[in-house]
Amino acid sequence: MTTTDTPRWFKSSYSDNGGTCVEVSDHLAGSLGIVPVRDSKVSGGPVLSFPIAAFSAFVASVKTDQLGAL
């Protein structure tokens, strides 16, 4: 991710804090068109950045349980 904006990370309110969470930063969506995602256990680790449309489709699939058991 190359930007001077610093991501403001958050976890889902549905997170049970069991250590298997990801964090997202949605405030870059408007300015850069991306949603950065990282492992909540490794805050200094790698960050994956997804286009807004791809991340929105993923979230919609999760909400409607279309991904099935992985």
PDB file of N, CA and C in Angstrom:
ATOM      1  N   MET A   1       0.862  -1.174   0.000  1.00  0.00           N
ATOM      2  CA  MET A   1       0.000   0.000   0.000  1.00  0.00           C
ATOM      3  C   MET A   1       0.899   1.224   0.000  1.00  0.00           C
ATOM      4  N   THR A   2       0.751   2.076  -0.956  1.00  0.00           N
ATOM      5  CA  THR A   2       1.562   3.275  -1.020  1.00  0.00           C
ATOM      6  C   THR A   2       0.668   4.495  -0.897  1.00  0.00           C
ATOM      7  N   THR A   3       0.712   5.088   0.261  1.00  0.00           N
ATOM      8  CA  THR A   3      -0.079   6.285   0.525  1.00  0.00           C
ATOM      9  C   THR A   3       0.497   6.991   1.732  1.00  0.00           C
ATOM     10  N   THR A   4       0.248   8.266   1.823  1.00  0.00           N
ATOM     11  CA  THR A   4       0.683   8.994   3.009  1.00  0.00           C
ATOM     12  C   THR A   4      -0.372   8.928   4.102  1.00  0.00           C
ATOM     13  N   ASP A   5      -1.572   8.462   3.753  1.00  0.00           N
ATOM     14  CA  ASP A   5      -2.620   8.291   4.762  1.00  0.00           C
ATOM     15  C   ASP A   5      -2.299   7.079   5.624  1.00  0.00           C
ATOM     16  N   THR A   6      -2.495   7.227   6.915  1.00  0.00           N
ATOM     17  CA  THR A   6      -2.295   6.108   7.830  1.00  0.00           C
ATOM     18  C   THR A   6      -3.628   5.414   8.048  1.00  0.00           C
ATOM     19  N   PRO A   7      -3.671   4.095   7.812  1.00  0.00           N
ATOM     20  CA  PRO A   7      -4.929   3.378   8.033  1.00  0.00           C
ATOM     21  C   PRO A   7      -5.374   3.459   9.490  1.00  0.00           C
ATOM     22  N   ARG A   8      -6.672   3.586   9.697  1.00  0.00           N
ATOM     23  CA  ARG A   8      -7.262   3.517  11.041  1.00  0.00           C
ATOM     24  C   ARG A   8      -7.947   2.157  11.123  1.00  0.00           C
ATOM     25  N   TRP A   9      -7.304   1.239  11.812  1.00  0.00           N
ATOM     26  CA  TRP A   9      -7.731  -0.157  11.837  1.00  0.00           C
ATOM     27  C   TRP A   9      -8.849  -0.405  12.835  1.00  0.00           C
ATOM     28  N   PHE A  10      -9.739  -1.333  12.487  1.00  0.00           N
ATOM     29  CA  PHE A  10     -10.754  -1.781  13.436  1.00  0.00           C
ATOM     30  C   PHE A  10     -11.131  -3.224  13.144  1.00  0.00           C
ATOM     31  N   LYS A  11     -11.644  -3.884  14.172  1.00  0.00           N
ATOM     32  CA  LYS A  11     -12.152  -5.253  14.053  1.00  0.00           C
ATOM     33  C   LYS A  11     -13.671  -5.210  14.115  1.00  0.00           C
ATOM     34  N   SER A  12     -14.292  -6.222  13.600  1.00  0.00           N
ATOM     35  CA  SER A  12     -15.739  -6.325  13.633  1.00  0.00           C
ATOM     36  C   SER A  12     -16.240  -6.366  15.070  1.00  0.00           C
ATOM     37  N   SER A  13     -17.385  -5.776  15.287  1.00  0.00           N
ATOM     38  CA  SER A  13     -18.009  -5.856  16.610  1.00  0.00           C
ATOM     39  C   SER A  13     -18.455  -7.285  16.910  1.00  0.00           C
ATOM     40  N   TYR A  14     -18.496  -8.141  15.896  1.00  0.00           N
ATOM     41  CA  TYR A  14     -18.862  -9.544  16.083  1.00  0.00           C
ATOM     42  C   TYR A  14     -17.663 -10.404  16.480  1.00  0.00           C
ATOM     43  N   SER A  15     -16.485  -9.814  16.497  1.00  0.00           N
ATOM     44  CA  SER A  15     -15.274 -10.556  16.838  1.00  0.00           C
ATOM     45  C   SER A  15     -15.347 -11.024  18.284  1.00  0.00           C
ATOM     46  N   ASP A  16     -15.013 -12.302  18.511  1.00  0.00           N
ATOM     47  CA  ASP A  16     -15.034 -12.824  19.876  1.00  0.00           C
ATOM     48  C   ASP A  16     -13.668 -12.699  20.547  1.00  0.00           C
ATOM     49  N   ASN A  17     -12.734 -12.036  19.858  1.00  0.00           N
ATOM     50  CA  ASN A  17     -11.398 -11.802  20.383  1.00  0.00           C
ATOM     51  C   ASN A  17     -10.663 -13.114  20.649  1.00  0.00           C
ATOM     52  N   GLY A  18     -10.943 -14.127  19.847  1.00  0.00           N
ATOM     53  CA  GLY A  18     -10.298 -15.423  20.002  1.00  0.00           C
ATOM     54  C   GLY A  18      -8.969 -15.527  19.271  1.00  0.00           C
ATOM     55  N   GLY A  19      -8.516 -14.448  18.675  1.00  0.00           N
ATOM     56  CA  GLY A  19      -7.220 -14.444  18.029  1.00  0.00           C
ATOM     57  C   GLY A  19      -7.217 -14.806  16.561  1.00  0.00           C
ATOM     58  N   THR A  20      -8.384 -15.008  15.967  1.00  0.00           N
ATOM     59  CA  THR A  20      -8.434 -15.348  14.546  1.00  0.00           C
ATOM     60  C   THR A  20      -9.157 -14.259  13.767  1.00  0.00           C
ATOM     61  N   CYS A  21      -8.814 -13.046  14.049  1.00  0.00           N
ATOM     62  CA  CYS A  21      -9.520 -11.913  13.457  1.00  0.00           C
ATOM     63  C   CYS A  21      -8.660 -11.198  12.426  1.00  0.00           C
ATOM     64  N   VAL A  22      -9.320 -10.477  11.571  1.00  0.00           N
ATOM     65  CA  VAL A  22      -8.646  -9.551  10.685  1.00  0.00           C
ATOM     66  C   VAL A  22      -9.112  -8.152  11.044  1.00  0.00           C
ATOM     67  N   GLU A  23      -8.314  -7.183  10.679  1.00  0.00           N
ATOM     68  CA  GLU A  23      -8.675  -5.782  10.863  1.00  0.00           C
ATOM     69  C   GLU A  23      -8.776  -5.148   9.485  1.00  0.00           C
ATOM     70  N   VAL A  24      -9.667  -4.201   9.355  1.00  0.00           N
ATOM     71  CA  VAL A  24      -9.826  -3.465   8.108  1.00  0.00           C
ATOM     72  C   VAL A  24      -9.740  -1.976   8.384  1.00  0.00           C
ATOM     73  N   SER A  25      -9.490  -1.230   7.337  1.00  0.00           N
ATOM     74  CA  SER A  25      -9.463   0.226   7.430  1.00  0.00           C
ATOM     75  C   SER A  25     -10.301   0.759   6.288  1.00  0.00           C
ATOM     76  N   ASP A  26     -11.489   1.258   6.606  1.00  0.00           N
ATOM     77  CA  ASP A  26     -12.398   1.673   5.534  1.00  0.00           C
ATOM     78  C   ASP A  26     -12.284   3.138   5.141  1.00  0.00           C
ATOM     79  N   HIS A  27     -11.484   3.931   5.859  1.00  0.00           N
ATOM     80  CA  HIS A  27     -11.453   5.360   5.540  1.00  0.00           C
ATOM     81  C   HIS A  27     -10.645   5.685   4.280  1.00  0.00           C
ATOM     82  N   LEU A  28      -9.927   4.727   3.722  1.00  0.00           N
ATOM     83  CA  LEU A  28      -9.183   4.962   2.484  1.00  0.00           C
ATOM     84  C   LEU A  28     -10.017   4.650   1.239  1.00  0.00           C
ATOM     85  N   ALA A  29     -11.212   4.123   1.444  1.00  0.00           N
ATOM     86  CA  ALA A  29     -12.056   3.738   0.318  1.00  0.00           C
ATOM     87  C   ALA A  29     -12.410   4.937  -0.566  1.00  0.00           C
ATOM     88  N   GLY A  30     -12.770   6.030   0.048  1.00  0.00           N
ATOM     89  CA  GLY A  30     -13.165   7.205  -0.727  1.00  0.00           C
ATOM     90  C   GLY A  30     -12.025   7.855  -1.477  1.00  0.00           C
ATOM     91  N   SER A  31     -10.868   7.985  -0.833  1.00  0.00           N
ATOM     92  CA  SER A  31      -9.750   8.692  -1.454  1.00  0.00           C
ATOM     93  C   SER A  31      -8.920   7.813  -2.377  1.00  0.00           C
ATOM     94  N   LEU A  32      -8.776   6.532  -2.057  1.00  0.00           N
ATOM     95  CA  LEU A  32      -7.910   5.659  -2.845  1.00  0.00           C
ATOM     96  C   LEU A  32      -8.639   4.509  -3.530  1.00  0.00           C
ATOM     97  N   GLY A  33      -9.892   4.272  -3.145  1.00  0.00           N
ATOM     98  CA  GLY A  33     -10.663   3.194  -3.761  1.00  0.00           C
ATOM     99  C   GLY A  33     -10.259   1.806  -3.303  1.00  0.00           C
ATOM    100  N   ILE A  34      -9.638   1.713  -2.119  1.00  0.00           N
ATOM    101  CA  ILE A  34      -9.183   0.421  -1.604  1.00  0.00           C
ATOM    102  C   ILE A  34      -9.649   0.214  -0.167  1.00  0.00           C
ATOM    103  N   VAL A  35      -9.658  -1.059   0.236  1.00  0.00           N
ATOM    104  CA  VAL A  35      -9.919  -1.430   1.626  1.00  0.00           C
ATOM    105  C   VAL A  35      -8.750  -2.300   2.076  1.00  0.00           C
ATOM    106  N   PRO A  36      -7.831  -1.745   2.889  1.00  0.00           N
ATOM    107  CA  PRO A  36      -6.718  -2.539   3.409  1.00  0.00           C
ATOM    108  C   PRO A  36      -7.192  -3.522   4.481  1.00  0.00           C
ATOM    109  N   VAL A  37      -6.574  -4.708   4.515  1.00  0.00           N
ATOM    110  CA  VAL A  37      -6.906  -5.761   5.466  1.00  0.00           C
ATOM    111  C   VAL A  37      -5.601  -6.328   6.014  1.00  0.00           C
ATOM    112  N   ARG A  38      -5.571  -6.625   7.330  1.00  0.00           N
ATOM    113  CA  ARG A  38      -4.379  -7.230   7.928  1.00  0.00           C
ATOM    114  C   ARG A  38      -4.776  -8.202   9.027  1.00  0.00           C
ATOM    115  N   ASP A  39      -3.839  -9.049   9.419  1.00  0.00           N
ATOM    116  CA  ASP A  39      -4.010  -9.992  10.523  1.00  0.00           C
ATOM    117  C   ASP A  39      -3.955  -9.198  11.825  1.00  0.00           C
ATOM    118  N   SER A  40      -4.946  -9.349  12.674  1.00  0.00           N
ATOM    119  CA  SER A  40      -4.988  -8.570  13.914  1.00  0.00           C
ATOM    120  C   SER A  40      -3.883  -8.952  14.887  1.00  0.00           C
ATOM    121  N   LYS A  41      -3.311 -10.143  14.734  1.00  0.00           N
ATOM    122  CA  LYS A  41      -2.251 -10.577  15.640  1.00  0.00           C
ATOM    123  C   LYS A  41      -0.884 -10.043  15.238  1.00  0.00           C
ATOM    124  N   VAL A  42      -0.749  -9.586  13.991  1.00  0.00           N
ATOM    125  CA  VAL A  42       0.536  -9.138  13.473  1.00  0.00           C
ATOM    126  C   VAL A  42       0.372  -7.724  12.915  1.00  0.00           C
ATOM    127  N   SER A  43       0.253  -6.764  13.810  1.00  0.00           N
ATOM    128  CA  SER A  43      -0.054  -5.403  13.376  1.00  0.00           C
ATOM    129  C   SER A  43       1.025  -4.798  12.475  1.00  0.00           C
ATOM    130  N   GLY A  44       2.253  -5.261  12.573  1.00  0.00           N
ATOM    131  CA  GLY A  44       3.311  -4.754  11.712  1.00  0.00           C
ATOM    132  C   GLY A  44       3.546  -5.617  10.492  1.00  0.00           C
ATOM    133  N   GLY A  45       2.703  -6.597  10.287  1.00  0.00           N
ATOM    134  CA  GLY A  45       2.866  -7.535   9.186  1.00  0.00           C
ATOM    135  C   GLY A  45       2.314  -7.009   7.883  1.00  0.00           C
ATOM    136  N   PRO A  46       2.191  -7.902   6.907  1.00  0.00           N
ATOM    137  CA  PRO A  46       1.731  -7.491   5.576  1.00  0.00           C
ATOM    138  C   PRO A  46       0.279  -7.016   5.575  1.00  0.00           C
ATOM    139  N   VAL A  47      -0.007  -6.171   4.619  1.00  0.00           N
ATOM    140  CA  VAL A  47      -1.353  -5.620   4.425  1.00  0.00           C
ATOM    141  C   VAL A  47      -1.790  -5.959   3.012  1.00  0.00           C
ATOM    142  N   LEU A  48      -2.984  -6.507   2.884  1.00  0.00           N
ATOM    143  CA  LEU A  48      -3.581  -6.755   1.579  1.00  0.00           C
ATOM    144  C   LEU A  48      -4.580  -5.638   1.300  1.00  0.00           C
ATOM    145  N   SER A  49      -4.533  -5.067   0.119  1.00  0.00           N
ATOM    146  CA  SER A  49      -5.465  -4.004  -0.251  1.00  0.00           C
ATOM    147  C   SER A  49      -6.372  -4.494  -1.367  1.00  0.00           C
ATOM    148  N   PHE A  50      -7.668  -4.397  -1.131  1.00  0.00           N
ATOM    149  CA  PHE A  50      -8.664  -4.870  -2.083  1.00  0.00           C
ATOM    150  C   PHE A  50      -9.435  -3.696  -2.671  1.00  0.00           C
ATOM    151  N   PRO A  51      -9.775  -3.763  -3.957  1.00  0.00           N
ATOM    152  CA  PRO A  51     -10.665  -2.748  -4.522  1.00  0.00           C
ATOM    153  C   PRO A  51     -12.006  -2.776  -3.787  1.00  0.00           C
ATOM    154  N   ILE A  52     -12.640  -1.629  -3.702  1.00  0.00           N
ATOM    155  CA  ILE A  52     -13.911  -1.520  -2.968  1.00  0.00           C
ATOM    156  C   ILE A  52     -14.926  -2.553  -3.452  1.00  0.00           C
ATOM    157  N   ALA A  53     -15.073  -2.704  -4.758  1.00  0.00           N
ATOM    158  CA  ALA A  53     -16.086  -3.626  -5.296  1.00  0.00           C
ATOM    159  C   ALA A  53     -15.815  -5.064  -4.858  1.00  0.00           C
ATOM    160  N   ALA A  54     -14.558  -5.474  -4.866  1.00  0.00           N
ATOM    161  CA  ALA A  54     -14.215  -6.844  -4.470  1.00  0.00           C
ATOM    162  C   ALA A  54     -14.482  -7.060  -2.983  1.00  0.00           C
ATOM    163  N   PHE A  55     -14.106  -6.100  -2.159  1.00  0.00           N
ATOM    164  CA  PHE A  55     -14.326  -6.246  -0.719  1.00  0.00           C
ATOM    165  C   PHE A  55     -15.816  -6.229  -0.400  1.00  0.00           C
ATOM    166  N   SER A  56     -16.557  -5.363  -1.060  1.00  0.00           N
ATOM    167  CA  SER A  56     -18.016  -5.301  -0.844  1.00  0.00           C
ATOM    168  C   SER A  56     -18.686  -6.605  -1.239  1.00  0.00           C
ATOM    169  N   ALA A  57     -18.253  -7.196  -2.358  1.00  0.00           N
ATOM    170  CA  ALA A  57     -18.821  -8.480  -2.791  1.00  0.00           C
ATOM    171  C   ALA A  57     -18.496  -9.569  -1.775  1.00  0.00           C
ATOM    172  N   PHE A  58     -17.287  -9.565  -1.241  1.00  0.00           N
ATOM    173  CA  PHE A  58     -16.903 -10.549  -0.225  1.00  0.00           C
ATOM    174  C   PHE A  58     -17.786 -10.414   1.017  1.00  0.00           C
ATOM    175  N   VAL A  59     -17.944  -9.191   1.526  1.00  0.00           N
ATOM    176  CA  VAL A  59     -18.760  -8.963   2.721  1.00  0.00           C
ATOM    177  C   VAL A  59     -20.207  -9.385   2.470  1.00  0.00           C
ATOM    178  N   ALA A  60     -20.744  -9.054   1.308  1.00  0.00           N
ATOM    179  CA  ALA A  60     -22.120  -9.446   0.979  1.00  0.00           C
ATOM    180  C   ALA A  60     -22.251 -10.970   0.963  1.00  0.00           C
ATOM    181  N   SER A  61     -21.247 -11.662   0.435  1.00  0.00           N
ATOM    182  CA  SER A  61     -21.277 -13.124   0.410  1.00  0.00           C
ATOM    183  C   SER A  61     -21.229 -13.723   1.802  1.00  0.00           C
ATOM    184  N   VAL A  62     -20.440 -13.123   2.670  1.00  0.00           N
ATOM    185  CA  VAL A  62     -20.365 -13.601   4.059  1.00  0.00           C
ATOM    186  C   VAL A  62     -21.704 -13.394   4.757  1.00  0.00           C
ATOM    187  N   LYS A  63     -22.291 -12.218   4.579  1.00  0.00           N
ATOM    188  CA  LYS A  63     -23.557 -11.902   5.245  1.00  0.00           C
ATOM    189  C   LYS A  63     -24.678 -12.847   4.823  1.00  0.00           C
ATOM    190  N   THR A  64     -24.651 -13.313   3.587  1.00  0.00           N
ATOM    191  CA  THR A  64     -25.721 -14.185   3.096  1.00  0.00           C
ATOM    192  C   THR A  64     -25.305 -15.657   3.111  1.00  0.00           C
ATOM    193  N   ASP A  65     -24.170 -15.940   3.731  1.00  0.00           N
ATOM    194  CA  ASP A  65     -23.650 -17.314   3.896  1.00  0.00           C
ATOM    195  C   ASP A  65     -23.484 -18.020   2.564  1.00  0.00           C
ATOM    196  N   GLN A  66     -23.047 -17.302   1.554  1.00  0.00           N
ATOM    197  CA  GLN A  66     -22.856 -17.885   0.234  1.00  0.00           C
ATOM    198  C   GLN A  66     -21.486 -18.546   0.072  1.00  0.00           C
ATOM    199  N   LEU A  67     -20.595 -18.378   1.018  1.00  0.00           N
ATOM    200  CA  LEU A  67     -19.254 -18.957   0.891  1.00  0.00           C
ATOM    201  C   LEU A  67     -19.214 -20.405   1.326  1.00  0.00           C
ATOM    202  N   GLY A  68     -20.170 -20.831   2.121  1.00  0.00           N
ATOM    203  CA  GLY A  68     -20.201 -22.210   2.590  1.00  0.00           C
ATOM    204  C   GLY A  68     -19.078 -22.482   3.584  1.00  0.00           C
ATOM    205  N   ALA A  69     -18.970 -23.707   3.986  1.00  0.00           N
ATOM    206  CA  ALA A  69     -17.928 -24.097   4.938  1.00  0.00           C
ATOM    207  C   ALA A  69     -16.605 -24.228   4.207  1.00  0.00           C
ATOM    208  N   LEU A  70     -15.611 -23.585   4.743  1.00  0.00           N
ATOM    209  CA  LEU A  70     -14.282 -23.652   4.115  1.00  0.00           C
ATOM    210  C   LEU A  70     -13.389 -24.594   4.861  1.00  0.00           C
TER     211      LEU A  70
END
